[in-house]
Amino acid sequence: MSVNEALAARRTCRSFTREPLGGGVLDRLLDRARRTPTAGNCQGVEFLVLEGPDEVAAFWDTSLPSEKRSGFPWPGLLLAPAIVIPFGLPEVYLERYGEEDKVASGLGADAADWPVPYWLTDAAFVAMALQLLVVEENLGCCFFGLFGNEGVVRRRFDVPESARSPGALAIGHPDHEHLRPSTSASRPRRPTASVVHNGRW
């Protein structure tokens, strides 16, 4: 499958079967996904991988407690057999950009000095690559924000306090009988001509 084909085939999956992923699937996907571009070759993105009923249930108990589930519109999302959360580690980037070949950038002293936090950019690159790799494996995934739950997720799973994530990915086998698009999916794609500004905006 080409990158073009994977992009064309990619759809957000919000309903999964309980079928577990095959042995080694996540390891293989993550090894490929981590080969995305990384600022200064920092390689400062690490993964929290939650796989199997107990670990996934612990994630949802932390981020979506049972008392908040009655109105949750995507119950099939909770059945995904794996949750992967890429975290960027700011301290890795600060250290790297304090080295001799990067110090002139002025970015090594403090995370607040970074107009664009590359640790989040790199983690987002990894998240996008992982989605395309999931398509290539004929699996489904849903990328979703942690929003106000990032802190409680970090504490529950012993993630370093400094780590930051653009969001989480639920990965598994799509439940085709119960798949239904979100209301956002009905929005038409903007024409290329309306988003590409040649020469000037």
Protein backbone atom coordinates (compact mmCIF):
# COMPACT_ATOMS: atom_id res chain seq x y z
CA MET A 1 0.00 0.00 0.00
CA SER A 2 1.40 3.42 -0.95
CA VAL A 3 1.27 6.47 1.32
CA ASN A 4 -1.27 7.96 -1.08
CA GLU A 5 -3.48 4.86 -0.76
CA ALA A 6 -3.16 4.86 3.04
CA LEU A 7 -4.19 8.51 3.23
CA ALA A 8 -7.16 7.86 0.97
CA ALA A 9 -8.23 4.83 3.02
CA ARG A 10 -7.75 6.36 6.47
CA ARG A 11 -10.95 6.91 8.43
CA THR A 12 -11.47 7.50 12.12
CA CYS A 13 -12.82 4.34 13.72
CA ARG A 14 -14.97 4.80 16.82
CA SER A 15 -16.26 1.26 17.19
CA PHE A 16 -14.07 -1.78 17.74
CA THR A 17 -14.49 -5.48 18.34
CA ARG A 18 -12.97 -7.08 21.43
CA GLU A 19 -10.58 -9.12 19.27
CA PRO A 20 -7.03 -8.64 20.56
CA LEU A 21 -4.23 -7.52 18.32
CA GLY A 22 -1.87 -10.22 17.14
CA GLY A 23 1.36 -10.78 18.98
CA GLY A 24 4.01 -8.23 18.13
CA VAL A 25 1.73 -6.00 16.04
CA LEU A 26 2.09 -2.93 18.26
CA ASP A 27 5.84 -3.38 18.63
CA ARG A 28 6.19 -3.52 14.86
CA LEU A 29 3.97 -0.48 14.31
CA LEU A 30 5.73 1.63 16.94
CA ASP A 31 9.17 0.72 15.64
CA ARG A 32 8.15 2.04 12.22
CA ALA A 33 6.27 5.09 13.51
CA ARG A 34 9.21 6.35 15.56
CA ARG A 35 11.20 6.81 12.34
CA THR A 36 9.39 10.07 11.55
CA PRO A 37 11.34 13.35 11.43
CA THR A 38 12.59 14.55 14.81
CA ALA A 39 14.03 17.98 15.56
CA GLY A 40 17.81 17.87 15.89
CA ASN A 41 17.52 14.09 15.82
CA CYS A 42 16.41 14.38 19.45
CA GLN A 43 14.33 11.22 19.33
CA GLY A 44 12.46 12.64 22.30
CA VAL A 45 9.11 10.91 21.81
CA GLU A 46 8.26 7.90 23.96
CA PHE A 47 5.09 5.82 24.13
CA LEU A 48 2.72 4.74 26.84
CA VAL A 49 1.25 1.48 25.50
CA LEU A 50 -1.84 0.06 27.17
CA GLU A 51 -2.90 -3.28 25.75
CA GLY A 52 -5.41 -5.83 26.95
CA PRO A 53 -8.66 -5.48 28.91
CA ASP A 54 -7.15 -4.54 32.28
CA GLU A 55 -4.79 -1.82 31.06
CA VAL A 56 -7.33 -0.32 28.64
CA ALA A 57 -10.03 -0.37 31.34
CA ALA A 58 -7.64 1.45 33.68
CA PHE A 59 -7.20 4.16 31.03
CA TRP A 60 -10.93 4.66 30.59
CA ASP A 61 -11.59 4.54 34.34
CA THR A 62 -9.07 7.36 34.66
CA SER A 63 -10.13 9.50 31.70
CA LEU A 64 -13.84 8.68 31.41
CA PRO A 65 -15.18 7.43 34.77
CA SER A 66 -18.28 5.21 34.66
CA GLU A 67 -20.57 7.98 35.95
CA LYS A 68 -19.77 10.02 32.81
CA ARG A 69 -20.38 7.23 30.31
CA SER A 70 -24.17 7.21 30.09
CA GLY A 71 -24.19 9.98 27.49
CA PHE A 72 -20.96 8.99 25.78
CA PRO A 73 -21.79 8.72 22.05
CA TRP A 74 -19.09 6.20 21.12
CA PRO A 75 -19.34 3.16 23.43
CA GLY A 76 -17.60 0.99 20.83
CA LEU A 77 -14.48 3.13 21.24
CA LEU A 78 -14.08 1.75 24.76
CA LEU A 79 -13.70 -1.77 23.34
CA ALA A 80 -10.44 -1.09 21.47
CA PRO A 81 -7.85 -3.61 22.65
CA ALA A 82 -5.03 -1.06 22.76
CA ILE A 83 -4.42 2.59 23.57
CA VAL A 84 -1.13 4.21 22.53
CA ILE A 85 -0.17 7.65 23.81
CA PRO A 86 2.93 9.33 22.34
CA PHE A 87 4.62 11.71 24.77
CA GLY A 88 7.23 14.30 23.89
CA LEU A 89 9.85 14.92 26.56
CA PRO A 90 10.79 18.64 26.66
CA GLU A 91 13.98 18.05 28.64
CA VAL A 92 15.41 15.92 25.82
CA TYR A 93 14.95 18.86 23.44
CA LEU A 94 16.34 21.42 25.87
CA GLU A 95 19.44 19.31 26.40
CA ARG A 96 19.94 18.70 22.68
CA TYR A 97 19.45 22.37 21.76
CA GLY A 98 21.96 23.35 24.44
CA GLU A 99 24.66 21.37 22.60
CA GLU A 100 27.34 23.15 20.61
CA ASP A 101 25.82 22.65 17.16
CA LYS A 102 22.37 23.89 18.29
CA VAL A 103 23.08 26.47 21.01
CA ALA A 104 22.93 29.40 18.53
CA SER A 105 19.19 28.69 18.10
CA GLY A 106 18.60 30.14 21.57
CA LEU A 107 16.17 27.34 22.38
CA GLY A 108 18.11 25.32 24.91
CA ALA A 109 17.58 27.32 28.09
CA ASP A 110 13.86 27.03 28.84
CA ALA A 111 10.79 25.38 27.30
CA ALA A 112 9.11 28.81 27.31
CA ASP A 113 11.70 29.99 24.75
CA TRP A 114 10.27 27.68 22.09
CA PRO A 115 7.65 29.44 19.92
CA VAL A 116 6.73 25.98 18.61
CA PRO A 117 7.33 23.13 21.08
CA TYR A 118 9.08 20.58 18.89
CA TRP A 119 8.40 17.81 21.42
CA LEU A 120 4.70 18.14 20.58
CA THR A 121 5.38 18.53 16.86
CA ASP A 122 7.45 15.36 16.83
CA ALA A 123 4.83 13.48 18.86
CA ALA A 124 2.16 14.60 16.37
CA PHE A 125 4.33 13.36 13.47
CA VAL A 126 4.53 9.98 15.19
CA ALA A 127 0.78 9.92 15.80
CA MET A 128 0.06 10.60 12.11
CA ALA A 129 2.55 7.99 10.94
CA LEU A 130 1.05 5.47 13.35
CA GLN A 131 -2.42 6.06 11.91
CA LEU A 132 -1.20 5.37 8.38
CA LEU A 133 0.66 2.26 9.50
CA VAL A 134 -2.51 1.01 11.21
CA VAL A 135 -4.36 1.39 7.89
CA GLU A 136 -1.62 -0.60 6.19
CA GLU A 137 -2.22 -3.39 8.75
CA ASN A 138 -5.96 -3.41 7.91
CA LEU A 139 -6.75 -2.24 11.44
CA GLY A 140 -8.70 0.77 12.65
CA CYS A 141 -7.74 3.62 14.91
CA CYS A 142 -9.12 6.76 16.47
CA PHE A 143 -6.92 9.69 17.47
CA PHE A 144 -8.47 11.72 20.28
CA GLY A 145 -7.33 14.48 22.59
CA LEU A 146 -6.67 13.92 26.26
CA PHE A 147 -7.86 17.46 26.97
CA GLY A 148 -8.07 18.01 30.73
CA ASN A 149 -7.18 14.39 31.45
CA GLU A 150 -3.50 14.49 30.52
CA GLY A 151 -2.40 15.15 34.09
CA VAL A 152 -4.46 12.36 35.65
CA VAL A 153 -3.34 9.94 32.94
CA ARG A 154 0.30 10.85 33.58
CA ARG A 155 -0.11 10.28 37.31
CA ARG A 156 -2.10 7.04 36.94
CA PHE A 157 0.49 5.46 34.66
CA ASP A 158 3.67 6.98 36.17
CA VAL A 159 4.47 9.12 33.12
CA PRO A 160 7.03 11.87 33.90
CA GLU A 161 5.32 15.11 34.90
CA SER A 162 7.17 17.06 32.20
CA ALA A 163 5.95 14.80 29.36
CA ARG A 164 3.40 16.26 26.97
CA SER A 165 1.11 14.52 24.48
CA PRO A 166 -0.91 15.72 21.50
CA GLY A 167 -3.43 12.93 22.15
CA ALA A 168 -4.08 9.19 22.29
CA LEU A 169 -4.77 6.51 19.70
CA ALA A 170 -7.24 3.68 20.17
CA ILE A 171 -6.18 0.79 17.92
CA GLY A 172 -7.97 -2.42 17.06
CA HIS A 173 -10.21 -4.33 14.68
CA PRO A 174 -13.11 -2.21 13.39
CA ASP A 175 -16.61 -3.33 14.29
CA HIS A 176 -18.09 -2.81 10.84
CA GLU A 177 -21.64 -3.53 12.00
CA HIS A 178 -21.66 -0.60 14.38
CA LEU A 179 -19.47 1.92 12.57
CA ARG A 180 -21.14 5.23 12.05
CA PRO A 181 -19.49 8.49 11.05
CA SER A 182 -19.41 11.46 13.39
CA THR A 183 -21.26 14.61 12.43
CA SER A 184 -17.87 16.13 11.57
CA ALA A 185 -17.38 13.53 8.83
CA SER A 186 -20.27 15.03 6.86
CA ARG A 187 -18.39 18.28 6.39
CA PRO A 188 -17.15 18.56 2.80
CA ARG A 189 -13.42 18.70 2.19
CA ARG A 190 -12.27 22.18 1.28
CA PRO A 191 -11.05 22.47 -2.32
CA THR A 192 -7.29 22.53 -2.76
CA ALA A 193 -7.48 25.95 -4.37
CA SER A 194 -8.95 27.40 -1.16
CA VAL A 195 -6.10 26.19 1.06
CA VAL A 196 -3.05 26.64 -1.17
CA HIS A 197 -1.68 30.19 -1.46
CA ASN A 198 0.87 30.42 -4.27
CA GLY A 199 3.30 33.32 -4.07
CA ARG A 200 1.40 35.16 -1.34
CA TRP A 201 -1.63 34.64 0.92
